[in-house]
Amino acid sequence: YDQDVGHGVQGALDRTVAYWQDWVRKLYLPLDYQEAVIRAAITLKL
């Protein structure tokens, strides 16, 4: 592991959160049931 593991994992966390939130931001969501749709969509991608 070519960096300080604490800083490296925290940086990866920040960038991972940013990636997923940006992916969700581009979804066309229905007005209702958004929490359910977002979680289903993320898991289908997984």
ModelCIF file with pLDDT and N, C-alpha, C, O atoms, coordinates in Angstrom:
data_MODEL
#
_entry.id   MODEL 
#
_entity.id                         1 
_entity.type                       polymer 
_entity.pdbx_number_of_molecules   1 
#
_entity_poly.entity_id                      1 
_entity_poly.type                           'polypeptide(L)' 
_entity_poly.nstd_linkage                   no 
_entity_poly.nstd_monomer                   no 
_entity_poly.pdbx_seq_one_letter_code       YDQDVGHGVQGALDRTVAYWQDWVRKLYLPLDYQEAVIRAAITLKL 
_entity_poly.pdbx_seq_one_letter_code_can   YDQDVGHGVQGALDRTVAYWQDWVRKLYLPLDYQEAVIRAAITLKL 
_entity_poly.pdbx_strand_id                 A 
#
loop_
_entity_poly_seq.entity_id 
_entity_poly_seq.num 
_entity_poly_seq.mon_id 
_entity_poly_seq.hetero 
1 1  TYR n 
1 2  ASP n 
1 3  GLN n 
1 4  ASP n 
1 5  VAL n 
1 6  GLY n 
1 7  HIS n 
1 8  GLY n 
1 9  VAL n 
1 10 GLN n 
1 11 GLY n 
1 12 ALA n 
1 13 LEU n 
1 14 ASP n 
1 15 ARG n 
1 16 THR n 
1 17 VAL n 
1 18 ALA n 
1 19 TYR n 
1 20 TRP n 
1 21 GLN n 
1 22 ASP n 
1 23 TRP n 
1 24 VAL n 
1 25 ARG n 
1 26 LYS n 
1 27 LEU n 
1 28 TYR n 
1 29 LEU n 
1 30 PRO n 
1 31 LEU n 
1 32 ASP n 
1 33 TYR n 
1 34 GLN n 
1 35 GLU n 
1 36 ALA n 
1 37 VAL n 
1 38 ILE n 
1 39 ARG n 
1 40 ALA n 
1 41 ALA n 
1 42 ILE n 
1 43 THR n 
1 44 LEU n 
1 45 LYS n 
1 46 LEU n 
#
_struct_asym.id          A 
_struct_asym.entity_id   1 
#
loop_
_ma_qa_metric.id 
_ma_qa_metric.mode 
_ma_qa_metric.name 
_ma_qa_metric.software_group_id 
_ma_qa_metric.type 
1 global pLDDT . pLDDT 
2 local  pLDDT . pLDDT 
#
_ma_qa_metric_global.metric_id      1 
_ma_qa_metric_global.metric_value   96.76 
_ma_qa_metric_global.model_id       1 
_ma_qa_metric_global.ordinal_id     1 
#
loop_
_ma_qa_metric_local.label_asym_id 
_ma_qa_metric_local.label_comp_id 
_ma_qa_metric_local.label_seq_id 
_ma_qa_metric_local.metric_id 
_ma_qa_metric_local.metric_value 
_ma_qa_metric_local.model_id 
_ma_qa_metric_local.ordinal_id 
A TYR 1  2 88.00 1 1  
A ASP 2  2 85.00 1 2  
A GLN 3  2 90.00 1 3  
A ASP 4  2 93.00 1 4  
A VAL 5  2 95.00 1 5  
A GLY 6  2 96.00 1 6  
A HIS 7  2 96.00 1 7  
A GLY 8  2 97.00 1 8  
A VAL 9  2 97.00 1 9  
A GLN 10 2 98.00 1 10 
A GLY 11 2 97.00 1 11 
A ALA 12 2 97.00 1 12 
A LEU 13 2 98.00 1 13 
A ASP 14 2 98.00 1 14 
A ARG 15 2 98.00 1 15 
A THR 16 2 98.00 1 16 
A VAL 17 2 98.00 1 17 
A ALA 18 2 98.00 1 18 
A TYR 19 2 98.00 1 19 
A TRP 20 2 98.00 1 20 
A GLN 21 2 98.00 1 21 
A ASP 22 2 98.00 1 22 
A TRP 23 2 98.00 1 23 
A VAL 24 2 98.00 1 24 
A ARG 25 2 97.00 1 25 
A LYS 26 2 96.00 1 26 
A LEU 27 2 97.00 1 27 
A TYR 28 2 96.00 1 28 
A LEU 29 2 97.00 1 29 
A PRO 30 2 97.00 1 30 
A LEU 31 2 97.00 1 31 
A ASP 32 2 97.00 1 32 
A TYR 33 2 98.00 1 33 
A GLN 34 2 98.00 1 34 
A GLU 35 2 98.00 1 35 
A ALA 36 2 98.00 1 36 
A VAL 37 2 98.00 1 37 
A ILE 38 2 98.00 1 38 
A ARG 39 2 98.00 1 39 
A ALA 40 2 98.00 1 40 
A ALA 41 2 98.00 1 41 
A ILE 42 2 98.00 1 42 
A THR 43 2 98.00 1 43 
A LEU 44 2 98.00 1 44 
A LYS 45 2 98.00 1 45 
A LEU 46 2 98.00 1 46 
#
loop_
_atom_site.group_PDB 
_atom_site.id 
_atom_site.type_symbol 
_atom_site.label_atom_id 
_atom_site.label_alt_id 
_atom_site.label_comp_id 
_atom_site.label_asym_id 
_atom_site.label_entity_id 
_atom_site.label_seq_id 
_atom_site.pdbx_PDB_ins_code 
_atom_site.Cartn_x 
_atom_site.Cartn_y 
_atom_site.Cartn_z 
_atom_site.occupancy 
_atom_site.B_iso_or_equiv 
_atom_site.pdbx_formal_charge 
_atom_site.auth_seq_id 
_atom_site.auth_comp_id 
_atom_site.auth_asym_id 
_atom_site.auth_atom_id 
_atom_site.pdbx_PDB_model_num 
ATOM 1   N N  . TYR A 1 1  ? 0.881   -1.172 0.000   1.00 88.00 ? 1  TYR A N  1 
ATOM 2   C CA . TYR A 1 1  ? 0.000   0.000  0.000   1.00 88.00 ? 1  TYR A CA 1 
ATOM 3   C C  . TYR A 1 1  ? 0.915   1.217  0.000   1.00 88.00 ? 1  TYR A C  1 
ATOM 4   O O  . TYR A 1 1  ? 1.651   1.442  0.961   1.00 88.00 ? 1  TYR A O  1 
ATOM 5   N N  . ASP A 1 2  ? 0.872   2.011  -1.083  1.00 85.00 ? 2  ASP A N  1 
ATOM 6   C CA . ASP A 1 2  ? 1.938   2.979  -1.337  1.00 85.00 ? 2  ASP A CA 1 
ATOM 7   C C  . ASP A 1 2  ? 1.699   4.354  -0.711  1.00 85.00 ? 2  ASP A C  1 
ATOM 8   O O  . ASP A 1 2  ? 2.244   5.349  -1.188  1.00 85.00 ? 2  ASP A O  1 
ATOM 9   N N  . GLN A 1 3  ? 0.900   4.420  0.343   1.00 90.00 ? 3  GLN A N  1 
ATOM 10  C CA . GLN A 1 3  ? 0.663   5.687  1.034   1.00 90.00 ? 3  GLN A CA 1 
ATOM 11  C C  . GLN A 1 3  ? 0.254   5.411  2.466   1.00 90.00 ? 3  GLN A C  1 
ATOM 12  O O  . GLN A 1 3  ? 0.015   4.263  2.841   1.00 90.00 ? 3  GLN A O  1 
ATOM 13  N N  . ASP A 1 4  ? 0.175   6.450  3.258   1.00 93.00 ? 4  ASP A N  1 
ATOM 14  C CA . ASP A 1 4  ? -0.317  6.319  4.619   1.00 93.00 ? 4  ASP A CA 1 
ATOM 15  C C  . ASP A 1 4  ? -1.727  5.747  4.569   1.00 93.00 ? 4  ASP A C  1 
ATOM 16  O O  . ASP A 1 4  ? -2.601  6.316  3.916   1.00 93.00 ? 4  ASP A O  1 
ATOM 17  N N  . VAL A 1 5  ? -1.960  4.629  5.250   1.00 95.00 ? 5  VAL A N  1 
ATOM 18  C CA . VAL A 1 5  ? -3.218  3.920  5.077   1.00 95.00 ? 5  VAL A CA 1 
ATOM 19  C C  . VAL A 1 5  ? -4.399  4.727  5.601   1.00 95.00 ? 5  VAL A C  1 
ATOM 20  O O  . VAL A 1 5  ? -5.489  4.662  5.032   1.00 95.00 ? 5  VAL A O  1 
ATOM 21  N N  . GLY A 1 6  ? -4.199  5.487  6.677   1.00 96.00 ? 6  GLY A N  1 
ATOM 22  C CA . GLY A 1 6  ? -5.292  6.292  7.207   1.00 96.00 ? 6  GLY A CA 1 
ATOM 23  C C  . GLY A 1 6  ? -5.744  7.353  6.230   1.00 96.00 ? 6  GLY A C  1 
ATOM 24  O O  . GLY A 1 6  ? -6.933  7.474  5.936   1.00 96.00 ? 6  GLY A O  1 
ATOM 25  N N  . HIS A 1 7  ? -4.777  8.134  5.720   1.00 96.00 ? 7  HIS A N  1 
ATOM 26  C CA . HIS A 1 7  ? -5.104  9.176  4.738   1.00 96.00 ? 7  HIS A CA 1 
ATOM 27  C C  . HIS A 1 7  ? -5.598  8.549  3.431   1.00 96.00 ? 7  HIS A C  1 
ATOM 28  O O  . HIS A 1 7  ? -6.514  9.072  2.797   1.00 96.00 ? 7  HIS A O  1 
ATOM 29  N N  . GLY A 1 8  ? -4.992  7.432  3.032   1.00 97.00 ? 8  GLY A N  1 
ATOM 30  C CA . GLY A 1 8  ? -5.371  6.799  1.773   1.00 97.00 ? 8  GLY A CA 1 
ATOM 31  C C  . GLY A 1 8  ? -6.791  6.277  1.792   1.00 97.00 ? 8  GLY A C  1 
ATOM 32  O O  . GLY A 1 8  ? -7.540  6.497  0.840   1.00 97.00 ? 8  GLY A O  1 
ATOM 33  N N  . VAL A 1 9  ? -7.183  5.584  2.866   1.00 97.00 ? 9  VAL A N  1 
ATOM 34  C CA . VAL A 1 9  ? -8.533  5.042  2.951   1.00 97.00 ? 9  VAL A CA 1 
ATOM 35  C C  . VAL A 1 9  ? -9.560  6.166  3.097   1.00 97.00 ? 9  VAL A C  1 
ATOM 36  O O  . VAL A 1 9  ? -10.643 6.096  2.516   1.00 97.00 ? 9  VAL A O  1 
ATOM 37  N N  . GLN A 1 10 ? -9.224  7.203  3.872   1.00 98.00 ? 10 GLN A N  1 
ATOM 38  C CA . GLN A 1 10 ? -10.155 8.324  4.006   1.00 98.00 ? 10 GLN A CA 1 
ATOM 39  C C  . GLN A 1 10 ? -10.337 9.036  2.667   1.00 98.00 ? 10 GLN A C  1 
ATOM 40  O O  . GLN A 1 10 ? -11.452 9.429  2.321   1.00 98.00 ? 10 GLN A O  1 
ATOM 41  N N  . GLY A 1 11 ? -9.257  9.203  1.916   1.00 97.00 ? 11 GLY A N  1 
ATOM 42  C CA . GLY A 1 11 ? -9.369  9.819  0.599   1.00 97.00 ? 11 GLY A CA 1 
ATOM 43  C C  . GLY A 1 11 ? -10.203 8.979  -0.354  1.00 97.00 ? 11 GLY A C  1 
ATOM 44  O O  . GLY A 1 11 ? -11.006 9.509  -1.122  1.00 97.00 ? 11 GLY A O  1 
ATOM 45  N N  . ALA A 1 12 ? -10.006 7.652  -0.301  1.00 97.00 ? 12 ALA A N  1 
ATOM 46  C CA . ALA A 1 12 ? -10.808 6.762  -1.146  1.00 97.00 ? 12 ALA A CA 1 
ATOM 47  C C  . ALA A 1 12 ? -12.280 6.828  -0.759  1.00 97.00 ? 12 ALA A C  1 
ATOM 48  O O  . ALA A 1 12 ? -13.158 6.773  -1.620  1.00 97.00 ? 12 ALA A O  1 
ATOM 49  N N  . LEU A 1 13 ? -12.545 6.944  0.537   1.00 98.00 ? 13 LEU A N  1 
ATOM 50  C CA . LEU A 1 13 ? -13.922 7.079  1.004   1.00 98.00 ? 13 LEU A CA 1 
ATOM 51  C C  . LEU A 1 13 ? -14.557 8.352  0.456   1.00 98.00 ? 13 LEU A C  1 
ATOM 52  O O  . LEU A 1 13 ? -15.667 8.315  -0.075  1.00 98.00 ? 13 LEU A O  1 
ATOM 53  N N  . ASP A 1 14 ? -13.873 9.451  0.579   1.00 98.00 ? 14 ASP A N  1 
ATOM 54  C CA . ASP A 1 14 ? -14.426 10.727 0.107   1.00 98.00 ? 14 ASP A CA 1 
ATOM 55  C C  . ASP A 1 14 ? -14.716 10.673 -1.391  1.00 98.00 ? 14 ASP A C  1 
ATOM 56  O O  . ASP A 1 14 ? -15.761 11.139 -1.846  1.00 98.00 ? 14 ASP A O  1 
ATOM 57  N N  . ARG A 1 15 ? -13.783 10.101 -2.152  1.00 98.00 ? 15 ARG A N  1 
ATOM 58  C CA . ARG A 1 15 ? -13.981 10.037 -3.601  1.00 98.00 ? 15 ARG A CA 1 
ATOM 59  C C  . ARG A 1 15 ? -15.067 9.035  -3.981  1.00 98.00 ? 15 ARG A C  1 
ATOM 60  O O  . ARG A 1 15 ? -15.791 9.246  -4.954  1.00 98.00 ? 15 ARG A O  1 
ATOM 61  N N  . THR A 1 16 ? -15.187 7.936  -3.213  1.00 98.00 ? 16 THR A N  1 
ATOM 62  C CA . THR A 1 16 ? -16.236 6.948  -3.479  1.00 98.00 ? 16 THR A CA 1 
ATOM 63  C C  . THR A 1 16 ? -17.617 7.528  -3.206  1.00 98.00 ? 16 THR A C  1 
ATOM 64  O O  . THR A 1 16 ? -18.542 7.333  -3.995  1.00 98.00 ? 16 THR A O  1 
ATOM 65  N N  . VAL A 1 17 ? -17.758 8.235  -2.102  1.00 98.00 ? 17 VAL A N  1 
ATOM 66  C CA . VAL A 1 17 ? -19.031 8.895  -1.807  1.00 98.00 ? 17 VAL A CA 1 
ATOM 67  C C  . VAL A 1 17 ? -19.379 9.883  -2.917  1.00 98.00 ? 17 VAL A C  1 
ATOM 68  O O  . VAL A 1 17 ? -20.521 9.935  -3.372  1.00 98.00 ? 17 VAL A O  1 
ATOM 69  N N  . ALA A 1 18 ? -18.395 10.661 -3.349  1.00 98.00 ? 18 ALA A N  1 
ATOM 70  C CA . ALA A 1 18 ? -18.642 11.651 -4.410  1.00 98.00 ? 18 ALA A CA 1 
ATOM 71  C C  . ALA A 1 18 ? -19.058 10.972 -5.710  1.00 98.00 ? 18 ALA A C  1 
ATOM 72  O O  . ALA A 1 18 ? -19.950 11.458 -6.406  1.00 98.00 ? 18 ALA A O  1 
ATOM 73  N N  . TYR A 1 19 ? -18.407 9.834  -6.045  1.00 98.00 ? 19 TYR A N  1 
ATOM 74  C CA . TYR A 1 19 ? -18.767 9.121  -7.273  1.00 98.00 ? 19 TYR A CA 1 
ATOM 75  C C  . TYR A 1 19 ? -20.233 8.704  -7.239  1.00 98.00 ? 19 TYR A C  1 
ATOM 76  O O  . TYR A 1 19 ? -20.975 8.993  -8.178  1.00 98.00 ? 19 TYR A O  1 
ATOM 77  N N  . TRP A 1 20 ? -20.662 8.031  -6.174  1.00 98.00 ? 20 TRP A N  1 
ATOM 78  C CA . TRP A 1 20 ? -22.017 7.493  -6.134  1.00 98.00 ? 20 TRP A CA 1 
ATOM 79  C C  . TRP A 1 20 ? -23.062 8.602  -6.080  1.00 98.00 ? 20 TRP A C  1 
ATOM 80  O O  . TRP A 1 20 ? -24.105 8.509  -6.726  1.00 98.00 ? 20 TRP A O  1 
ATOM 81  N N  . GLN A 1 21 ? -22.785 9.634  -5.322  1.00 98.00 ? 21 GLN A N  1 
ATOM 82  C CA . GLN A 1 21 ? -23.766 10.710 -5.244  1.00 98.00 ? 21 GLN A CA 1 
ATOM 83  C C  . GLN A 1 21 ? -23.898 11.437 -6.575  1.00 98.00 ? 21 GLN A C  1 
ATOM 84  O O  . GLN A 1 21 ? -24.979 11.917 -6.916  1.00 98.00 ? 21 GLN A O  1 
ATOM 85  N N  . ASP A 1 22 ? -22.816 11.519 -7.321  1.00 98.00 ? 22 ASP A N  1 
ATOM 86  C CA . ASP A 1 22 ? -22.896 12.111 -8.649  1.00 98.00 ? 22 ASP A CA 1 
ATOM 87  C C  . ASP A 1 22 ? -23.669 11.201 -9.600  1.00 98.00 ? 22 ASP A C  1 
ATOM 88  O O  . ASP A 1 22 ? -24.438 11.687 -10.429 1.00 98.00 ? 22 ASP A O  1 
ATOM 89  N N  . TRP A 1 23 ? -23.472 9.873  -9.490  1.00 98.00 ? 23 TRP A N  1 
ATOM 90  C CA . TRP A 1 23 ? -24.212 8.932  -10.339 1.00 98.00 ? 23 TRP A CA 1 
ATOM 91  C C  . TRP A 1 23 ? -25.712 9.037  -10.069 1.00 98.00 ? 23 TRP A C  1 
ATOM 92  O O  . TRP A 1 23 ? -26.515 9.081  -11.001 1.00 98.00 ? 23 TRP A O  1 
ATOM 93  N N  . VAL A 1 24 ? -26.082 9.075  -8.798  1.00 98.00 ? 24 VAL A N  1 
ATOM 94  C CA . VAL A 1 24 ? -27.497 9.187  -8.449  1.00 98.00 ? 24 VAL A CA 1 
ATOM 95  C C  . VAL A 1 24 ? -28.078 10.513 -8.931  1.00 98.00 ? 24 VAL A C  1 
ATOM 96  O O  . VAL A 1 24 ? -29.227 10.578 -9.369  1.00 98.00 ? 24 VAL A O  1 
ATOM 97  N N  . ARG A 1 25 ? -27.266 11.572 -8.843  1.00 97.00 ? 25 ARG A N  1 
ATOM 98  C CA . ARG A 1 25 ? -27.734 12.904 -9.238  1.00 97.00 ? 25 ARG A CA 1 
ATOM 99  C C  . ARG A 1 25 ? -28.181 12.939 -10.695 1.00 97.00 ? 25 ARG A C  1 
ATOM 100 O O  . ARG A 1 25 ? -29.001 13.779 -11.064 1.00 97.00 ? 25 ARG A O  1 
ATOM 101 N N  . LYS A 1 26 ? -27.660 12.046 -11.528 1.00 96.00 ? 26 LYS A N  1 
ATOM 102 C CA . LYS A 1 26 ? -27.977 12.039 -12.957 1.00 96.00 ? 26 LYS A CA 1 
ATOM 103 C C  . LYS A 1 26 ? -29.171 11.143 -13.300 1.00 96.00 ? 26 LYS A C  1 
ATOM 104 O O  . LYS A 1 26 ? -29.577 11.067 -14.460 1.00 96.00 ? 26 LYS A O  1 
ATOM 105 N N  . LEU A 1 27 ? -29.731 10.465 -12.294 1.00 97.00 ? 27 LEU A N  1 
ATOM 106 C CA . LEU A 1 27 ? -30.883 9.611  -12.555 1.00 97.00 ? 27 LEU A CA 1 
ATOM 107 C C  . LEU A 1 27 ? -32.139 10.456 -12.733 1.00 97.00 ? 27 LEU A C  1 
ATOM 108 O O  . LEU A 1 27 ? -32.299 11.509 -12.117 1.00 97.00 ? 27 LEU A O  1 
ATOM 109 N N  . TYR A 1 28 ? -33.023 9.961  -13.598 1.00 96.00 ? 28 TYR A N  1 
ATOM 110 C CA . TYR A 1 28 ? -34.338 10.581 -13.729 1.00 96.00 ? 28 TYR A CA 1 
ATOM 111 C C  . TYR A 1 28 ? -35.278 9.841  -12.791 1.00 96.00 ? 28 TYR A C  1 
ATOM 112 O O  . TYR A 1 28 ? -35.644 8.694  -13.046 1.00 96.00 ? 28 TYR A O  1 
ATOM 113 N N  . LEU A 1 29 ? -35.671 10.504 -11.701 1.00 97.00 ? 29 LEU A N  1 
ATOM 114 C CA . LEU A 1 29 ? -36.436 9.852  -10.650 1.00 97.00 ? 29 LEU A CA 1 
ATOM 115 C C  . LEU A 1 29 ? -37.909 10.234 -10.725 1.00 97.00 ? 29 LEU A C  1 
ATOM 116 O O  . LEU A 1 29 ? -38.246 11.331 -11.169 1.00 97.00 ? 29 LEU A O  1 
ATOM 117 N N  . PRO A 1 30 ? -38.792 9.326  -10.289 1.00 97.00 ? 30 PRO A N  1 
ATOM 118 C CA . PRO A 1 30 ? -40.190 9.720  -10.129 1.00 97.00 ? 30 PRO A CA 1 
ATOM 119 C C  . PRO A 1 30 ? -40.316 10.685 -8.950  1.00 97.00 ? 30 PRO A C  1 
ATOM 120 O O  . PRO A 1 30 ? -39.420 10.772 -8.110  1.00 97.00 ? 30 PRO A O  1 
ATOM 121 N N  . LEU A 1 31 ? -41.415 11.393 -8.898  1.00 97.00 ? 31 LEU A N  1 
ATOM 122 C CA . LEU A 1 31 ? -41.631 12.328 -7.800  1.00 97.00 ? 31 LEU A CA 1 
ATOM 123 C C  . LEU A 1 31 ? -41.759 11.595 -6.465  1.00 97.00 ? 31 LEU A C  1 
ATOM 124 O O  . LEU A 1 31 ? -41.200 12.029 -5.458  1.00 97.00 ? 31 LEU A O  1 
ATOM 125 N N  . ASP A 1 32 ? -42.486 10.500 -6.462  1.00 97.00 ? 32 ASP A N  1 
ATOM 126 C CA . ASP A 1 32 ? -42.714 9.728  -5.238  1.00 97.00 ? 32 ASP A CA 1 
ATOM 127 C C  . ASP A 1 32 ? -41.774 8.525  -5.165  1.00 97.00 ? 32 ASP A C  1 
ATOM 128 O O  . ASP A 1 32 ? -41.206 8.107  -6.174  1.00 97.00 ? 32 ASP A O  1 
ATOM 129 N N  . TYR A 1 33 ? -41.618 7.982  -3.973  1.00 98.00 ? 33 TYR A N  1 
ATOM 130 C CA . TYR A 1 33 ? -40.863 6.743  -3.729  1.00 98.00 ? 33 TYR A CA 1 
ATOM 131 C C  . TYR A 1 33 ? -39.382 6.885  -4.070  1.00 98.00 ? 33 TYR A C  1 
ATOM 132 O O  . TYR A 1 33 ? -38.745 5.900  -4.443  1.00 98.00 ? 33 TYR A O  1 
ATOM 133 N N  . GLN A 1 34 ? -38.827 8.074  -3.952  1.00 98.00 ? 34 GLN A N  1 
ATOM 134 C CA . GLN A 1 34 ? -37.449 8.271  -4.415  1.00 98.00 ? 34 GLN A CA 1 
ATOM 135 C C  . GLN A 1 34 ? -36.436 7.474  -3.606  1.00 98.00 ? 34 GLN A C  1 
ATOM 136 O O  . GLN A 1 34 ? -35.490 6.925  -4.172  1.00 98.00 ? 34 GLN A O  1 
ATOM 137 N N  . GLU A 1 35 ? -36.617 7.403  -2.306  1.00 98.00 ? 35 GLU A N  1 
ATOM 138 C CA . GLU A 1 35 ? -35.657 6.651  -1.483  1.00 98.00 ? 35 GLU A CA 1 
ATOM 139 C C  . GLU A 1 35 ? -35.607 5.195  -1.927  1.00 98.00 ? 35 GLU A C  1 
ATOM 140 O O  . GLU A 1 35 ? -34.527 4.615  -2.048  1.00 98.00 ? 35 GLU A O  1 
ATOM 141 N N  . ALA A 1 36 ? -36.778 4.603  -2.169  1.00 98.00 ? 36 ALA A N  1 
ATOM 142 C CA . ALA A 1 36 ? -36.832 3.196  -2.583  1.00 98.00 ? 36 ALA A CA 1 
ATOM 143 C C  . ALA A 1 36 ? -36.189 3.004  -3.950  1.00 98.00 ? 36 ALA A C  1 
ATOM 144 O O  . ALA A 1 36 ? -35.457 2.038  -4.164  1.00 98.00 ? 36 ALA A O  1 
ATOM 145 N N  . VAL A 1 37 ? -36.458 3.921  -4.873  1.00 98.00 ? 37 VAL A N  1 
ATOM 146 C CA . VAL A 1 37 ? -35.917 3.806  -6.232  1.00 98.00 ? 37 VAL A CA 1 
ATOM 147 C C  . VAL A 1 37 ? -34.404 3.977  -6.225  1.00 98.00 ? 37 VAL A C  1 
ATOM 148 O O  . VAL A 1 37 ? -33.696 3.225  -6.895  1.00 98.00 ? 37 VAL A O  1 
ATOM 149 N N  . ILE A 1 38 ? -33.906 4.942  -5.488  1.00 98.00 ? 38 ILE A N  1 
ATOM 150 C CA . ILE A 1 38 ? -32.453 5.170  -5.438  1.00 98.00 ? 38 ILE A CA 1 
ATOM 151 C C  . ILE A 1 38 ? -31.738 3.945  -4.890  1.00 98.00 ? 38 ILE A C  1 
ATOM 152 O O  . ILE A 1 38 ? -30.725 3.516  -5.442  1.00 98.00 ? 38 ILE A O  1 
ATOM 153 N N  . ARG A 1 39 ? -32.262 3.380  -3.806  1.00 98.00 ? 39 ARG A N  1 
ATOM 154 C CA . ARG A 1 39 ? -31.574 2.217  -3.223  1.00 98.00 ? 39 ARG A CA 1 
ATOM 155 C C  . ARG A 1 39 ? -31.633 1.025  -4.172  1.00 98.00 ? 39 ARG A C  1 
ATOM 156 O O  . ARG A 1 39 ? -30.654 0.290  -4.303  1.00 98.00 ? 39 ARG A O  1 
ATOM 157 N N  . ALA A 1 40 ? -32.765 0.828  -4.831  1.00 98.00 ? 40 ALA A N  1 
ATOM 158 C CA . ALA A 1 40 ? -32.862 -0.276 -5.793  1.00 98.00 ? 40 ALA A CA 1 
ATOM 159 C C  . ALA A 1 40 ? -31.903 -0.069 -6.951  1.00 98.00 ? 40 ALA A C  1 
ATOM 160 O O  . ALA A 1 40 ? -31.249 -1.015 -7.389  1.00 98.00 ? 40 ALA A O  1 
ATOM 161 N N  . ALA A 1 41 ? -31.810 1.159  -7.454  1.00 98.00 ? 41 ALA A N  1 
ATOM 162 C CA . ALA A 1 41 ? -30.941 1.436  -8.601  1.00 98.00 ? 41 ALA A CA 1 
ATOM 163 C C  . ALA A 1 41 ? -29.472 1.226  -8.238  1.00 98.00 ? 41 ALA A C  1 
ATOM 164 O O  . ALA A 1 41 ? -28.729 0.613  -9.005  1.00 98.00 ? 41 ALA A O  1 
ATOM 165 N N  . ILE A 1 42 ? -29.048 1.724  -7.087  1.00 98.00 ? 42 ILE A N  1 
ATOM 166 C CA . ILE A 1 42 ? -27.657 1.537  -6.656  1.00 98.00 ? 42 ILE A CA 1 
ATOM 167 C C  . ILE A 1 42 ? -27.342 0.051  -6.554  1.00 98.00 ? 42 ILE A C  1 
ATOM 168 O O  . ILE A 1 42 ? -26.282 -0.389 -7.001  1.00 98.00 ? 42 ILE A O  1 
ATOM 169 N N  . THR A 1 43 ? -28.244 -0.721 -5.974  1.00 98.00 ? 43 THR A N  1 
ATOM 170 C CA . THR A 1 43 ? -27.969 -2.145 -5.768  1.00 98.00 ? 43 THR A CA 1 
ATOM 171 C C  . THR A 1 43 ? -27.969 -2.908 -7.082  1.00 98.00 ? 43 THR A C  1 
ATOM 172 O O  . THR A 1 43 ? -27.181 -3.838 -7.256  1.00 98.00 ? 43 THR A O  1 
ATOM 173 N N  . LEU A 1 44 ? -28.841 -2.531 -8.010  1.00 98.00 ? 44 LEU A N  1 
ATOM 174 C CA . LEU A 1 44 ? -28.776 -3.152 -9.336  1.00 98.00 ? 44 LEU A CA 1 
ATOM 175 C C  . LEU A 1 44 ? -27.424 -2.879 -9.986  1.00 98.00 ? 44 LEU A C  1 
ATOM 176 O O  . LEU A 1 44 ? -26.857 -3.758 -10.635 1.00 98.00 ? 44 LEU A O  1 
ATOM 177 N N  . LYS A 1 45 ? -26.917 -1.688 -9.817  1.00 98.00 ? 45 LYS A N  1 
ATOM 178 C CA . LYS A 1 45 ? -25.588 -1.385 -10.374 1.00 98.00 ? 45 LYS A CA 1 
ATOM 179 C C  . LYS A 1 45 ? -24.513 -2.238 -9.702  1.00 98.00 ? 45 LYS A C  1 
ATOM 180 O O  . LYS A 1 45 ? -23.557 -2.657 -10.355 1.00 98.00 ? 45 LYS A O  1 
ATOM 181 N N  . LEU A 1 46 ? -24.663 -2.496 -8.406  1.00 98.00 ? 46 LEU A N  1 
ATOM 182 C CA . LEU A 1 46 ? -23.698 -3.357 -7.715  1.00 98.00 ? 46 LEU A CA 1 
ATOM 183 C C  . LEU A 1 46 ? -23.732 -4.784 -8.244  1.00 98.00 ? 46 LEU A C  1 
ATOM 184 O O  . LEU A 1 46 ? -22.981 -5.636 -7.769  1.00 98.00 ? 46 LEU A O  1 
#
